[in-house]
């Protein structure tokens, strides 16, 4: 539990530096859905490790500071819930994620904005069954390519594509009538993901004139 507490405190401190204090957001909306697929390598304190497949699907809230207007830099915040499948486990993990994405415009026009930049993820996930409980905290980094497609002066459709490297630390507790065990672990994940966001812009339009 002490190790989990240290991870949690570290994530809180990091998030205070990553989340901008500015209130100049110009786009609000939802991303539905978010897909991901890849592998996870799990290392246990007892000295063994295993590699398993992972898949997830999720929904969430999105905020963006520059969807259609001119300018090189944009900040995008994702706050979401994901359902993750790990290997042979029948039930799925519940994952809560905060993604901080820093985009730099490559192509800008009235119809589209193409951008590229890094994304930093803070996450907590949990799994529970009759005999098994797993909790972990994670920190991830991903290069992301995004496209904002502007439909008129208010609505934009925004797909994103990326590849995330994720580190998690947690604890696994097994407790049944015949046997009980407690173990700490770390894991590294590598997976492709796609997000599709629907964003409503507030006074955010492409200015044809400087």
N, C-alpha and C. Protein backbone atom coordinates (compact mmCIF):
# COMPACT_ATOMS: atom_id res chain seq x y z
N UNK A 1 0.82 -1.20 0.00
CA UNK A 1 0.00 0.00 0.00
C UNK A 1 0.86 1.26 0.00
N UNK A 2 2.02 1.24 0.68
CA UNK A 2 2.90 2.39 0.69
C UNK A 2 3.40 2.72 -0.71
N UNK A 3 3.70 1.67 -1.49
CA UNK A 3 4.16 1.91 -2.86
C UNK A 3 3.06 2.57 -3.68
N UNK A 4 1.81 2.10 -3.55
CA UNK A 4 0.71 2.72 -4.26
C UNK A 4 0.53 4.18 -3.87
N UNK A 5 0.69 4.46 -2.59
CA UNK A 5 0.55 5.84 -2.11
C UNK A 5 1.60 6.74 -2.74
N UNK A 6 2.82 6.26 -2.86
CA UNK A 6 3.88 7.05 -3.49
C UNK A 6 3.57 7.33 -4.95
N UNK A 7 3.08 6.31 -5.67
CA UNK A 7 2.69 6.53 -7.07
C UNK A 7 1.58 7.58 -7.17
N UNK A 8 0.58 7.48 -6.29
CA UNK A 8 -0.55 8.41 -6.34
C UNK A 8 -0.10 9.83 -6.09
N UNK A 9 0.75 10.04 -5.07
CA UNK A 9 1.24 11.38 -4.76
C UNK A 9 2.06 11.94 -5.91
N UNK A 10 2.89 11.10 -6.53
CA UNK A 10 3.71 11.55 -7.66
C UNK A 10 2.83 12.01 -8.82
N UNK A 11 1.75 11.27 -9.10
CA UNK A 11 0.87 11.64 -10.20
C UNK A 11 0.14 12.94 -9.92
N UNK A 12 -0.26 13.15 -8.68
CA UNK A 12 -0.92 14.40 -8.32
C UNK A 12 0.01 15.58 -8.54
N UNK A 13 1.26 15.46 -8.09
CA UNK A 13 2.23 16.54 -8.25
C UNK A 13 2.48 16.83 -9.73
N UNK A 14 2.67 15.77 -10.52
CA UNK A 14 2.92 15.94 -11.96
C UNK A 14 1.74 16.64 -12.63
N UNK A 15 0.53 16.25 -12.28
CA UNK A 15 -0.66 16.81 -12.91
C UNK A 15 -0.78 18.30 -12.64
N UNK A 16 -0.34 18.77 -11.46
CA UNK A 16 -0.40 20.18 -11.15
C UNK A 16 0.46 21.00 -12.10
N UNK A 17 1.56 20.42 -12.58
CA UNK A 17 2.43 21.12 -13.51
C UNK A 17 1.92 21.01 -14.96
N UNK A 18 1.24 19.92 -15.27
CA UNK A 18 0.85 19.67 -16.66
C UNK A 18 -0.43 20.36 -17.07
N UNK A 19 -1.40 20.47 -16.17
CA UNK A 19 -2.69 21.03 -16.53
C UNK A 19 -2.60 22.55 -16.53
N UNK A 20 -2.78 23.18 -17.66
CA UNK A 20 -2.65 24.64 -17.72
C UNK A 20 -3.68 25.34 -16.85
N UNK A 21 -3.31 26.48 -16.28
CA UNK A 21 -4.22 27.24 -15.46
C UNK A 21 -5.06 28.20 -16.29
N UNK A 22 -4.77 28.30 -17.57
CA UNK A 22 -5.51 29.20 -18.43
C UNK A 22 -6.95 28.75 -18.61
N UNK A 23 -7.85 29.72 -18.71
CA UNK A 23 -9.27 29.42 -18.93
C UNK A 23 -9.68 29.81 -20.34
N UNK A 24 -8.73 29.88 -21.27
CA UNK A 24 -9.01 30.36 -22.61
C UNK A 24 -9.38 29.21 -23.55
N UNK A 25 -9.99 28.18 -23.06
CA UNK A 25 -10.38 27.06 -23.91
C UNK A 25 -11.41 27.51 -24.93
N UNK A 26 -11.25 27.07 -26.17
CA UNK A 26 -12.17 27.47 -27.23
C UNK A 26 -12.94 26.30 -27.82
N UNK A 27 -12.70 25.09 -27.34
CA UNK A 27 -13.43 23.93 -27.84
C UNK A 27 -13.75 22.95 -26.74
N UNK A 28 -15.02 22.53 -26.68
CA UNK A 28 -15.46 21.57 -25.68
C UNK A 28 -16.26 20.47 -26.37
N UNK A 29 -16.08 19.23 -25.91
CA UNK A 29 -16.85 18.16 -26.54
C UNK A 29 -16.59 16.81 -25.92
N UNK A 30 -16.85 15.76 -26.71
CA UNK A 30 -16.74 14.38 -26.26
C UNK A 30 -15.89 13.60 -27.24
N UNK A 31 -15.14 12.63 -26.73
CA UNK A 31 -14.54 11.67 -27.65
C UNK A 31 -15.22 10.33 -27.45
N UNK A 32 -15.70 9.80 -28.56
CA UNK A 32 -16.49 8.58 -28.54
C UNK A 32 -16.39 7.93 -29.91
N UNK A 33 -15.74 6.80 -30.02
CA UNK A 33 -15.03 6.15 -28.92
C UNK A 33 -13.53 6.36 -29.00
N UNK A 34 -12.80 5.68 -28.08
CA UNK A 34 -11.35 5.60 -28.11
C UNK A 34 -10.98 4.12 -28.14
N UNK A 35 -10.15 3.72 -29.13
CA UNK A 35 -9.73 2.32 -29.24
C UNK A 35 -8.23 2.20 -28.99
N UNK A 36 -7.80 1.03 -28.48
CA UNK A 36 -6.38 0.77 -28.33
C UNK A 36 -6.10 -0.73 -28.37
N UNK A 37 -4.90 -1.08 -28.88
CA UNK A 37 -4.52 -2.49 -28.98
C UNK A 37 -3.00 -2.60 -28.93
N UNK A 38 -2.50 -3.56 -28.10
CA UNK A 38 -1.06 -3.74 -28.01
C UNK A 38 -0.68 -4.85 -27.05
N UNK A 39 0.48 -4.70 -26.38
CA UNK A 39 0.99 -5.72 -25.47
C UNK A 39 1.43 -5.09 -24.15
N UNK A 40 1.48 -5.91 -23.11
CA UNK A 40 1.93 -5.49 -21.79
C UNK A 40 2.91 -6.52 -21.24
N UNK A 41 4.03 -6.05 -20.71
CA UNK A 41 4.99 -6.91 -20.03
C UNK A 41 4.91 -6.63 -18.54
N UNK A 42 4.52 -7.64 -17.75
CA UNK A 42 4.29 -7.49 -16.32
C UNK A 42 5.42 -8.16 -15.55
N UNK A 43 6.04 -7.43 -14.62
CA UNK A 43 7.14 -7.96 -13.79
C UNK A 43 6.70 -7.96 -12.33
N UNK A 44 6.82 -9.13 -11.68
CA UNK A 44 6.40 -9.29 -10.29
C UNK A 44 7.60 -9.25 -9.36
N UNK A 45 7.34 -8.88 -8.10
CA UNK A 45 8.41 -8.78 -7.11
C UNK A 45 9.10 -10.11 -6.87
N UNK A 46 8.40 -11.20 -7.10
CA UNK A 46 8.99 -12.52 -6.88
C UNK A 46 10.01 -12.90 -7.94
N UNK A 47 10.15 -12.07 -8.98
CA UNK A 47 11.22 -12.29 -9.93
C UNK A 47 10.83 -12.89 -11.26
N UNK A 48 9.55 -13.01 -11.55
CA UNK A 48 9.16 -13.55 -12.86
C UNK A 48 8.32 -12.51 -13.59
N UNK A 49 8.18 -12.68 -14.89
CA UNK A 49 7.41 -11.76 -15.70
C UNK A 49 6.66 -12.51 -16.80
N UNK A 50 5.67 -11.84 -17.36
CA UNK A 50 4.91 -12.43 -18.46
C UNK A 50 4.44 -11.32 -19.40
N UNK A 51 4.18 -11.69 -20.63
CA UNK A 51 3.71 -10.74 -21.64
C UNK A 51 2.32 -11.15 -22.10
N UNK A 52 1.40 -10.20 -22.13
CA UNK A 52 0.02 -10.50 -22.52
C UNK A 52 -0.48 -9.42 -23.47
N UNK A 53 -1.53 -9.75 -24.21
CA UNK A 53 -2.18 -8.79 -25.11
C UNK A 53 -3.12 -7.90 -24.31
N UNK A 54 -3.29 -6.67 -24.78
CA UNK A 54 -4.25 -5.76 -24.16
C UNK A 54 -5.09 -5.08 -25.24
N UNK A 55 -6.34 -4.80 -24.90
CA UNK A 55 -7.25 -4.05 -25.75
C UNK A 55 -8.07 -3.13 -24.85
N UNK A 56 -8.44 -1.97 -25.38
CA UNK A 56 -9.34 -1.13 -24.60
C UNK A 56 -10.28 -0.34 -25.50
N UNK A 57 -11.39 0.09 -24.93
CA UNK A 57 -12.32 1.00 -25.60
C UNK A 57 -12.80 1.99 -24.55
N UNK A 58 -13.00 3.26 -24.93
CA UNK A 58 -13.34 4.24 -23.92
C UNK A 58 -14.15 5.41 -24.45
N UNK A 59 -14.64 6.21 -23.52
CA UNK A 59 -15.37 7.44 -23.83
C UNK A 59 -14.84 8.53 -22.90
N UNK A 60 -15.15 9.80 -23.20
CA UNK A 60 -14.68 10.83 -22.30
C UNK A 60 -14.98 12.24 -22.76
N UNK A 61 -14.40 13.17 -22.03
CA UNK A 61 -14.57 14.60 -22.24
C UNK A 61 -13.30 15.16 -22.86
N UNK A 62 -13.45 16.14 -23.74
CA UNK A 62 -12.28 16.75 -24.38
C UNK A 62 -12.40 18.27 -24.35
N UNK A 63 -11.27 18.92 -24.12
CA UNK A 63 -11.15 20.38 -24.12
C UNK A 63 -9.94 20.73 -24.99
N UNK A 64 -10.10 21.73 -25.87
CA UNK A 64 -8.99 22.13 -26.75
C UNK A 64 -8.93 23.65 -26.84
N UNK A 65 -7.72 24.19 -26.79
CA UNK A 65 -7.54 25.64 -26.79
C UNK A 65 -7.49 26.24 -28.20
N UNK A 66 -7.30 25.41 -29.22
CA UNK A 66 -7.22 25.94 -30.59
C UNK A 66 -7.62 24.84 -31.56
N UNK A 67 -8.88 24.84 -31.96
CA UNK A 67 -9.38 23.81 -32.86
C UNK A 67 -9.31 24.28 -34.31
N UNK A 68 -9.78 25.51 -34.58
CA UNK A 68 -9.85 26.01 -35.95
C UNK A 68 -9.07 27.29 -36.17
N UNK A 69 -8.85 28.09 -35.15
CA UNK A 69 -8.21 29.40 -35.34
C UNK A 69 -6.73 29.28 -35.65
N UNK A 70 -6.17 30.37 -36.15
CA UNK A 70 -4.76 30.39 -36.50
C UNK A 70 -3.89 30.28 -35.26
N UNK A 71 -2.66 29.79 -35.46
CA UNK A 71 -1.71 29.68 -34.36
C UNK A 71 -1.01 28.34 -34.37
N UNK A 72 0.22 28.33 -33.94
CA UNK A 72 1.02 27.11 -33.99
C UNK A 72 0.64 26.13 -32.89
N UNK A 73 0.46 26.61 -31.65
CA UNK A 73 0.33 25.71 -30.50
C UNK A 73 -1.12 25.53 -30.08
N UNK A 74 -1.46 24.29 -29.70
CA UNK A 74 -2.75 24.03 -29.05
C UNK A 74 -2.54 23.02 -27.92
N UNK A 75 -3.33 23.17 -26.88
CA UNK A 75 -3.33 22.21 -25.76
C UNK A 75 -4.66 21.48 -25.78
N UNK A 76 -4.61 20.15 -25.66
CA UNK A 76 -5.83 19.34 -25.63
C UNK A 76 -5.84 18.47 -24.38
N UNK A 77 -6.95 18.48 -23.68
CA UNK A 77 -7.14 17.69 -22.47
C UNK A 77 -8.19 16.62 -22.73
N UNK A 78 -7.85 15.37 -22.42
CA UNK A 78 -8.82 14.26 -22.44
C UNK A 78 -9.00 13.79 -21.00
N UNK A 79 -10.22 13.67 -20.59
CA UNK A 79 -10.54 13.09 -19.29
C UNK A 79 -11.56 11.99 -19.55
N UNK A 80 -11.16 10.72 -19.35
CA UNK A 80 -12.03 9.66 -19.79
C UNK A 80 -12.02 8.39 -18.97
N UNK A 81 -12.93 7.51 -19.35
CA UNK A 81 -13.06 6.18 -18.75
C UNK A 81 -12.85 5.15 -19.84
N UNK A 82 -12.05 4.12 -19.54
CA UNK A 82 -11.79 3.05 -20.50
C UNK A 82 -12.04 1.69 -19.87
N UNK A 83 -12.49 0.77 -20.68
CA UNK A 83 -12.65 -0.62 -20.28
C UNK A 83 -11.56 -1.42 -20.99
N UNK A 84 -10.66 -2.04 -20.19
CA UNK A 84 -9.47 -2.68 -20.75
C UNK A 84 -9.49 -4.18 -20.52
N UNK A 85 -9.14 -4.92 -21.57
CA UNK A 85 -9.07 -6.38 -21.51
C UNK A 85 -7.61 -6.80 -21.47
N UNK A 86 -7.24 -7.60 -20.45
CA UNK A 86 -5.87 -8.08 -20.29
C UNK A 86 -5.84 -9.60 -20.43
N UNK A 87 -5.26 -10.06 -21.53
CA UNK A 87 -5.01 -11.48 -21.70
C UNK A 87 -6.23 -12.35 -21.49
N UNK A 88 -6.03 -13.37 -20.60
CA UNK A 88 -7.06 -14.38 -20.42
C UNK A 88 -8.12 -14.03 -19.39
N UNK A 89 -7.98 -12.90 -18.70
CA UNK A 89 -8.97 -12.52 -17.71
C UNK A 89 -10.32 -12.28 -18.38
N UNK A 90 -11.36 -12.92 -17.86
CA UNK A 90 -12.68 -12.78 -18.46
C UNK A 90 -13.27 -11.39 -18.22
N UNK A 91 -13.11 -10.87 -17.00
CA UNK A 91 -13.62 -9.55 -16.69
C UNK A 91 -12.63 -8.48 -17.15
N UNK A 92 -13.12 -7.25 -17.25
CA UNK A 92 -12.28 -6.17 -17.77
C UNK A 92 -11.89 -5.20 -16.66
N UNK A 93 -10.74 -4.54 -16.87
CA UNK A 93 -10.27 -3.51 -15.97
C UNK A 93 -11.05 -2.22 -16.23
N UNK A 94 -11.24 -1.44 -15.17
CA UNK A 94 -11.77 -0.09 -15.29
C UNK A 94 -10.60 0.87 -15.18
N UNK A 95 -10.45 1.74 -16.17
CA UNK A 95 -9.31 2.65 -16.21
C UNK A 95 -9.81 4.09 -16.32
N UNK A 96 -9.29 4.96 -15.47
CA UNK A 96 -9.59 6.38 -15.52
C UNK A 96 -8.31 7.10 -15.95
N UNK A 97 -8.43 7.92 -17.01
CA UNK A 97 -7.22 8.48 -17.63
C UNK A 97 -7.35 9.99 -17.83
N UNK A 98 -6.24 10.67 -17.65
CA UNK A 98 -6.11 12.09 -17.93
C UNK A 98 -4.96 12.26 -18.91
N UNK A 99 -5.28 12.71 -20.14
CA UNK A 99 -4.28 12.89 -21.18
C UNK A 99 -4.05 14.37 -21.44
N UNK A 100 -2.81 14.79 -21.35
CA UNK A 100 -2.40 16.16 -21.66
C UNK A 100 -1.62 16.15 -22.97
N UNK A 101 -2.21 16.73 -24.02
CA UNK A 101 -1.60 16.68 -25.35
C UNK A 101 -1.20 18.09 -25.79
N UNK A 102 0.03 18.20 -26.29
CA UNK A 102 0.59 19.49 -26.70
C UNK A 102 0.83 19.44 -28.21
N UNK A 103 -0.04 20.11 -28.96
CA UNK A 103 -0.01 20.01 -30.41
C UNK A 103 0.64 21.21 -31.08
N UNK A 104 1.27 20.94 -32.23
CA UNK A 104 1.90 21.98 -33.03
C UNK A 104 1.39 21.86 -34.46
N UNK A 105 0.78 22.94 -34.94
CA UNK A 105 0.14 22.92 -36.24
C UNK A 105 1.10 22.71 -37.39
N UNK A 106 0.74 21.77 -38.29
CA UNK A 106 1.54 21.50 -39.49
C UNK A 106 0.87 22.12 -40.71
N UNK A 107 -0.45 21.91 -40.82
CA UNK A 107 -1.25 22.47 -41.90
C UNK A 107 -2.43 23.20 -41.28
N UNK A 108 -2.68 24.44 -41.72
CA UNK A 108 -3.80 25.21 -41.20
C UNK A 108 -4.57 25.83 -42.36
N UNK A 109 -5.88 25.59 -42.37
CA UNK A 109 -6.75 26.20 -43.35
C UNK A 109 -8.13 26.37 -42.72
N UNK A 110 -9.04 26.94 -43.45
CA UNK A 110 -10.39 27.14 -42.93
C UNK A 110 -11.09 25.81 -42.70
N UNK A 111 -10.76 24.81 -43.48
CA UNK A 111 -11.45 23.52 -43.40
C UNK A 111 -10.79 22.54 -42.43
N UNK A 112 -9.45 22.55 -42.33
CA UNK A 112 -8.76 21.55 -41.52
C UNK A 112 -7.58 22.16 -40.79
N UNK A 113 -7.22 21.49 -39.71
CA UNK A 113 -5.97 21.77 -39.00
C UNK A 113 -5.31 20.43 -38.73
N UNK A 114 -4.11 20.24 -39.25
CA UNK A 114 -3.33 19.03 -39.02
C UNK A 114 -2.23 19.37 -38.03
N UNK A 115 -2.13 18.59 -36.95
CA UNK A 115 -1.16 18.90 -35.91
C UNK A 115 -0.47 17.63 -35.42
N UNK A 116 0.69 17.84 -34.77
CA UNK A 116 1.50 16.75 -34.27
C UNK A 116 2.11 17.18 -32.94
N UNK A 117 2.17 16.23 -31.97
CA UNK A 117 2.77 16.59 -30.70
C UNK A 117 2.74 15.45 -29.70
N UNK A 118 3.37 15.67 -28.54
CA UNK A 118 3.41 14.63 -27.50
C UNK A 118 2.18 14.67 -26.60
N UNK A 119 1.86 13.52 -26.04
CA UNK A 119 0.76 13.40 -25.09
C UNK A 119 1.27 12.68 -23.83
N UNK A 120 0.95 13.25 -22.67
CA UNK A 120 1.35 12.66 -21.40
C UNK A 120 0.10 12.18 -20.67
N UNK A 121 0.10 10.92 -20.26
CA UNK A 121 -1.07 10.31 -19.63
C UNK A 121 -0.82 10.03 -18.16
N UNK A 122 -1.81 10.35 -17.33
CA UNK A 122 -1.87 9.93 -15.94
C UNK A 122 -3.08 9.02 -15.80
N UNK A 123 -2.92 7.86 -15.17
CA UNK A 123 -4.01 6.89 -15.16
C UNK A 123 -4.09 6.12 -13.85
N UNK A 124 -5.29 5.71 -13.54
CA UNK A 124 -5.53 4.78 -12.44
C UNK A 124 -6.44 3.69 -12.97
N UNK A 125 -6.13 2.42 -12.66
CA UNK A 125 -7.01 1.35 -13.10
C UNK A 125 -7.18 0.31 -12.01
N UNK A 126 -8.34 -0.36 -12.07
CA UNK A 126 -8.69 -1.31 -11.03
C UNK A 126 -9.43 -2.49 -11.63
N UNK A 127 -9.29 -3.63 -10.96
CA UNK A 127 -9.97 -4.87 -11.37
C UNK A 127 -10.39 -5.59 -10.11
N UNK A 128 -11.60 -6.16 -10.14
CA UNK A 128 -12.09 -6.85 -8.95
C UNK A 128 -12.97 -8.03 -9.36
N UNK A 129 -12.73 -9.17 -8.71
CA UNK A 129 -13.58 -10.36 -8.87
C UNK A 129 -13.79 -10.96 -7.48
N UNK A 130 -14.38 -12.14 -7.42
CA UNK A 130 -14.65 -12.75 -6.13
C UNK A 130 -13.39 -13.02 -5.32
N UNK A 131 -12.30 -13.34 -5.99
CA UNK A 131 -11.08 -13.72 -5.28
C UNK A 131 -9.86 -12.86 -5.62
N UNK A 132 -9.98 -11.93 -6.59
CA UNK A 132 -8.81 -11.19 -7.05
C UNK A 132 -9.11 -9.70 -7.12
N UNK A 133 -8.20 -8.89 -6.55
CA UNK A 133 -8.29 -7.44 -6.62
C UNK A 133 -6.95 -6.88 -7.09
N UNK A 134 -7.00 -6.02 -8.12
CA UNK A 134 -5.79 -5.43 -8.68
C UNK A 134 -5.99 -3.92 -8.80
N UNK A 135 -5.02 -3.15 -8.31
CA UNK A 135 -5.06 -1.70 -8.42
C UNK A 135 -3.69 -1.20 -8.87
N UNK A 136 -3.68 -0.22 -9.78
CA UNK A 136 -2.40 0.31 -10.26
C UNK A 136 -2.55 1.74 -10.72
N UNK A 137 -1.42 2.46 -10.71
CA UNK A 137 -1.32 3.82 -11.21
C UNK A 137 -0.33 3.83 -12.36
N UNK A 138 -0.57 4.72 -13.34
CA UNK A 138 0.28 4.71 -14.51
C UNK A 138 0.66 6.08 -15.03
N UNK A 139 1.78 6.12 -15.75
CA UNK A 139 2.27 7.31 -16.42
C UNK A 139 2.66 6.91 -17.84
N UNK A 140 2.14 7.63 -18.85
CA UNK A 140 2.38 7.26 -20.23
C UNK A 140 2.82 8.42 -21.09
N UNK A 141 3.50 8.09 -22.20
CA UNK A 141 3.95 9.09 -23.17
C UNK A 141 3.65 8.58 -24.57
N UNK A 142 3.11 9.46 -25.42
CA UNK A 142 2.73 9.05 -26.77
C UNK A 142 2.95 10.18 -27.77
N UNK A 143 3.50 9.87 -28.95
CA UNK A 143 3.42 10.81 -30.06
C UNK A 143 2.03 10.71 -30.69
N UNK A 144 1.41 11.86 -30.99
CA UNK A 144 0.04 11.87 -31.50
C UNK A 144 -0.04 12.73 -32.76
N UNK A 145 -0.75 12.22 -33.76
CA UNK A 145 -1.06 12.97 -34.98
C UNK A 145 -2.56 13.22 -34.99
N UNK A 146 -2.96 14.50 -35.09
CA UNK A 146 -4.38 14.83 -35.03
C UNK A 146 -4.82 15.63 -36.23
N UNK A 147 -6.11 15.50 -36.56
CA UNK A 147 -6.72 16.23 -37.67
C UNK A 147 -8.04 16.81 -37.20
N UNK A 148 -8.17 18.14 -37.26
CA UNK A 148 -9.43 18.80 -36.94
C UNK A 148 -10.15 19.14 -38.24
N UNK A 149 -11.31 18.56 -38.44
CA UNK A 149 -12.12 18.81 -39.63
C UNK A 149 -13.26 19.72 -39.22
N UNK A 150 -13.27 20.95 -39.73
CA UNK A 150 -14.21 21.96 -39.28
C UNK A 150 -15.46 21.97 -40.16
N UNK A 151 -16.60 21.70 -39.54
CA UNK A 151 -17.89 21.66 -40.24
C UNK A 151 -18.65 22.94 -39.89
N UNK A 152 -18.41 23.98 -40.65
CA UNK A 152 -19.05 25.25 -40.35
C UNK A 152 -18.31 26.00 -39.26
N UNK A 153 -19.02 26.89 -38.57
CA UNK A 153 -18.40 27.79 -37.60
C UNK A 153 -18.47 27.27 -36.17
N UNK A 154 -19.08 26.10 -35.93
CA UNK A 154 -19.29 25.64 -34.56
C UNK A 154 -18.74 24.25 -34.30
N UNK A 155 -18.95 23.31 -35.21
CA UNK A 155 -18.66 21.90 -34.96
C UNK A 155 -17.42 21.44 -35.70
N UNK A 156 -16.59 20.60 -35.02
CA UNK A 156 -15.43 19.97 -35.65
C UNK A 156 -15.41 18.49 -35.29
N UNK A 157 -15.01 17.67 -36.26
CA UNK A 157 -14.76 16.25 -36.04
C UNK A 157 -13.25 16.07 -36.01
N UNK A 158 -12.74 15.39 -34.95
CA UNK A 158 -11.30 15.40 -34.71
C UNK A 158 -10.76 14.00 -34.42
N UNK A 159 -10.31 13.28 -35.44
CA UNK A 159 -9.63 12.00 -35.18
C UNK A 159 -8.18 12.21 -34.75
N UNK A 160 -7.69 11.28 -33.91
CA UNK A 160 -6.29 11.28 -33.46
C UNK A 160 -5.73 9.88 -33.61
N UNK A 161 -4.43 9.80 -33.90
CA UNK A 161 -3.74 8.52 -34.03
C UNK A 161 -2.43 8.61 -33.25
N UNK A 162 -2.11 7.55 -32.48
CA UNK A 162 -0.88 7.60 -31.71
C UNK A 162 -0.40 6.23 -31.28
N UNK A 163 0.78 6.22 -30.68
CA UNK A 163 1.36 5.00 -30.12
C UNK A 163 1.87 5.34 -28.72
N UNK A 164 1.31 4.67 -27.71
CA UNK A 164 1.60 5.03 -26.32
C UNK A 164 2.52 4.02 -25.65
N UNK A 165 3.50 4.57 -24.90
CA UNK A 165 4.34 3.79 -23.99
C UNK A 165 3.87 4.11 -22.58
N UNK A 166 3.53 3.08 -21.82
CA UNK A 166 2.90 3.28 -20.52
C UNK A 166 3.62 2.46 -19.45
N UNK A 167 3.89 3.11 -18.31
CA UNK A 167 4.46 2.42 -17.16
C UNK A 167 3.43 2.43 -16.03
N UNK A 168 3.20 1.26 -15.41
CA UNK A 168 2.27 1.16 -14.30
C UNK A 168 2.92 0.44 -13.12
N UNK A 169 2.53 0.83 -11.93
CA UNK A 169 2.94 0.14 -10.72
C UNK A 169 1.71 -0.14 -9.87
N UNK A 170 1.63 -1.34 -9.30
CA UNK A 170 0.44 -1.67 -8.55
C UNK A 170 0.59 -2.86 -7.63
N UNK A 171 -0.55 -3.29 -7.11
CA UNK A 171 -0.60 -4.39 -6.17
C UNK A 171 -1.73 -5.34 -6.56
N UNK A 172 -1.46 -6.62 -6.38
CA UNK A 172 -2.40 -7.68 -6.72
C UNK A 172 -2.68 -8.51 -5.47
N UNK A 173 -3.93 -8.64 -5.12
CA UNK A 173 -4.31 -9.37 -3.91
C UNK A 173 -5.27 -10.51 -4.28
N UNK A 174 -4.86 -11.72 -3.94
CA UNK A 174 -5.68 -12.91 -4.19
C UNK A 174 -6.14 -13.47 -2.85
N UNK A 175 -7.44 -13.68 -2.72
CA UNK A 175 -7.98 -14.14 -1.44
C UNK A 175 -9.16 -15.07 -1.70
N UNK A 176 -8.98 -16.34 -1.38
CA UNK A 176 -10.06 -17.33 -1.51
C UNK A 176 -10.17 -18.12 -0.21
N UNK A 177 -11.09 -19.02 -0.17
CA UNK A 177 -11.33 -19.82 1.03
C UNK A 177 -10.10 -20.67 1.38
N UNK A 178 -9.35 -21.13 0.36
CA UNK A 178 -8.23 -22.04 0.58
C UNK A 178 -6.87 -21.35 0.58
N UNK A 179 -6.80 -20.14 -0.03
CA UNK A 179 -5.47 -19.58 -0.27
C UNK A 179 -5.56 -18.06 -0.36
N UNK A 180 -4.53 -17.37 0.12
CA UNK A 180 -4.47 -15.92 -0.02
C UNK A 180 -3.03 -15.52 -0.32
N UNK A 181 -2.87 -14.43 -1.09
CA UNK A 181 -1.53 -13.99 -1.48
C UNK A 181 -1.61 -12.50 -1.82
N UNK A 182 -0.47 -11.81 -1.65
CA UNK A 182 -0.38 -10.39 -1.93
C UNK A 182 0.95 -10.13 -2.63
N UNK A 183 0.91 -9.38 -3.73
CA UNK A 183 2.13 -9.19 -4.52
C UNK A 183 2.12 -7.83 -5.21
N UNK A 184 3.28 -7.20 -5.26
CA UNK A 184 3.45 -5.95 -5.99
C UNK A 184 3.98 -6.25 -7.39
N UNK A 185 3.71 -5.36 -8.32
CA UNK A 185 4.17 -5.57 -9.70
C UNK A 185 4.37 -4.23 -10.38
N UNK A 186 5.11 -4.26 -11.49
CA UNK A 186 5.20 -3.15 -12.42
C UNK A 186 4.93 -3.69 -13.82
N UNK A 187 4.49 -2.85 -14.70
CA UNK A 187 4.24 -3.29 -16.07
C UNK A 187 4.55 -2.17 -17.05
N UNK A 188 4.94 -2.56 -18.25
CA UNK A 188 5.14 -1.61 -19.34
C UNK A 188 4.21 -2.01 -20.47
N UNK A 189 3.51 -1.02 -21.01
CA UNK A 189 2.56 -1.27 -22.09
C UNK A 189 2.97 -0.51 -23.33
N UNK A 190 2.68 -1.10 -24.48
CA UNK A 190 2.94 -0.49 -25.78
C UNK A 190 1.73 -0.77 -26.66
N UNK A 191 1.06 0.30 -27.10
CA UNK A 191 -0.14 0.04 -27.90
C UNK A 191 -0.48 1.23 -28.81
N UNK A 192 -1.06 0.88 -29.96
CA UNK A 192 -1.62 1.86 -30.87
C UNK A 192 -2.99 2.28 -30.35
N UNK A 193 -3.37 3.53 -30.63
CA UNK A 193 -4.70 3.96 -30.23
C UNK A 193 -5.26 4.95 -31.24
N UNK A 194 -6.59 5.02 -31.28
CA UNK A 194 -7.32 5.96 -32.13
C UNK A 194 -8.40 6.61 -31.28
N UNK A 195 -8.46 7.93 -31.29
CA UNK A 195 -9.55 8.67 -30.65
C UNK A 195 -10.35 9.40 -31.72
N UNK A 196 -11.65 9.51 -31.51
CA UNK A 196 -12.50 10.29 -32.40
C UNK A 196 -13.32 11.25 -31.54
N UNK A 197 -13.07 12.54 -31.69
CA UNK A 197 -13.73 13.55 -30.85
C UNK A 197 -14.71 14.38 -31.67
N UNK A 198 -15.81 14.76 -31.02
CA UNK A 198 -16.77 15.72 -31.57
C UNK A 198 -16.68 16.96 -30.69
N UNK A 199 -16.19 18.08 -31.27
CA UNK A 199 -15.92 19.28 -30.49
C UNK A 199 -16.79 20.43 -30.97
N UNK A 200 -17.37 21.14 -30.00
CA UNK A 200 -18.15 22.34 -30.28
C UNK A 200 -17.29 23.56 -29.94
N UNK A 201 -17.08 24.42 -30.92
CA UNK A 201 -16.17 25.55 -30.78
C UNK A 201 -16.90 26.80 -30.28
N UNK A 202 -16.22 27.55 -29.43
CA UNK A 202 -16.78 28.76 -28.86
C UNK A 202 -15.94 29.93 -29.35
N UNK A 203 -16.44 30.63 -30.35
CA UNK A 203 -15.71 31.77 -30.92
C UNK A 203 -14.39 31.38 -31.54
N UNK A 204 -14.27 30.15 -31.97
CA UNK A 204 -13.02 29.62 -32.52
C UNK A 204 -13.21 29.40 -34.02
N UNK A 205 -12.79 30.38 -34.84
CA UNK A 205 -12.93 30.29 -36.29
C UNK A 205 -11.61 30.66 -36.93
N UNK A 206 -11.42 30.19 -38.14
CA UNK A 206 -10.20 30.51 -38.88
C UNK A 206 -10.32 31.91 -39.46
N UNK A 207 -9.36 32.76 -39.14
CA UNK A 207 -9.35 34.14 -39.60
C UNK A 207 -8.58 34.21 -40.92
N UNK A 208 -9.25 34.64 -41.98
CA UNK A 208 -8.61 34.72 -43.28
C UNK A 208 -7.58 35.85 -43.34
N UNK A 209 -7.62 36.75 -42.38
CA UNK A 209 -6.71 37.89 -42.40
C UNK A 209 -5.95 37.95 -41.08
N UNK A 210 -4.71 38.34 -41.13
CA UNK A 210 -3.91 38.52 -39.93
C UNK A 210 -4.33 39.80 -39.21
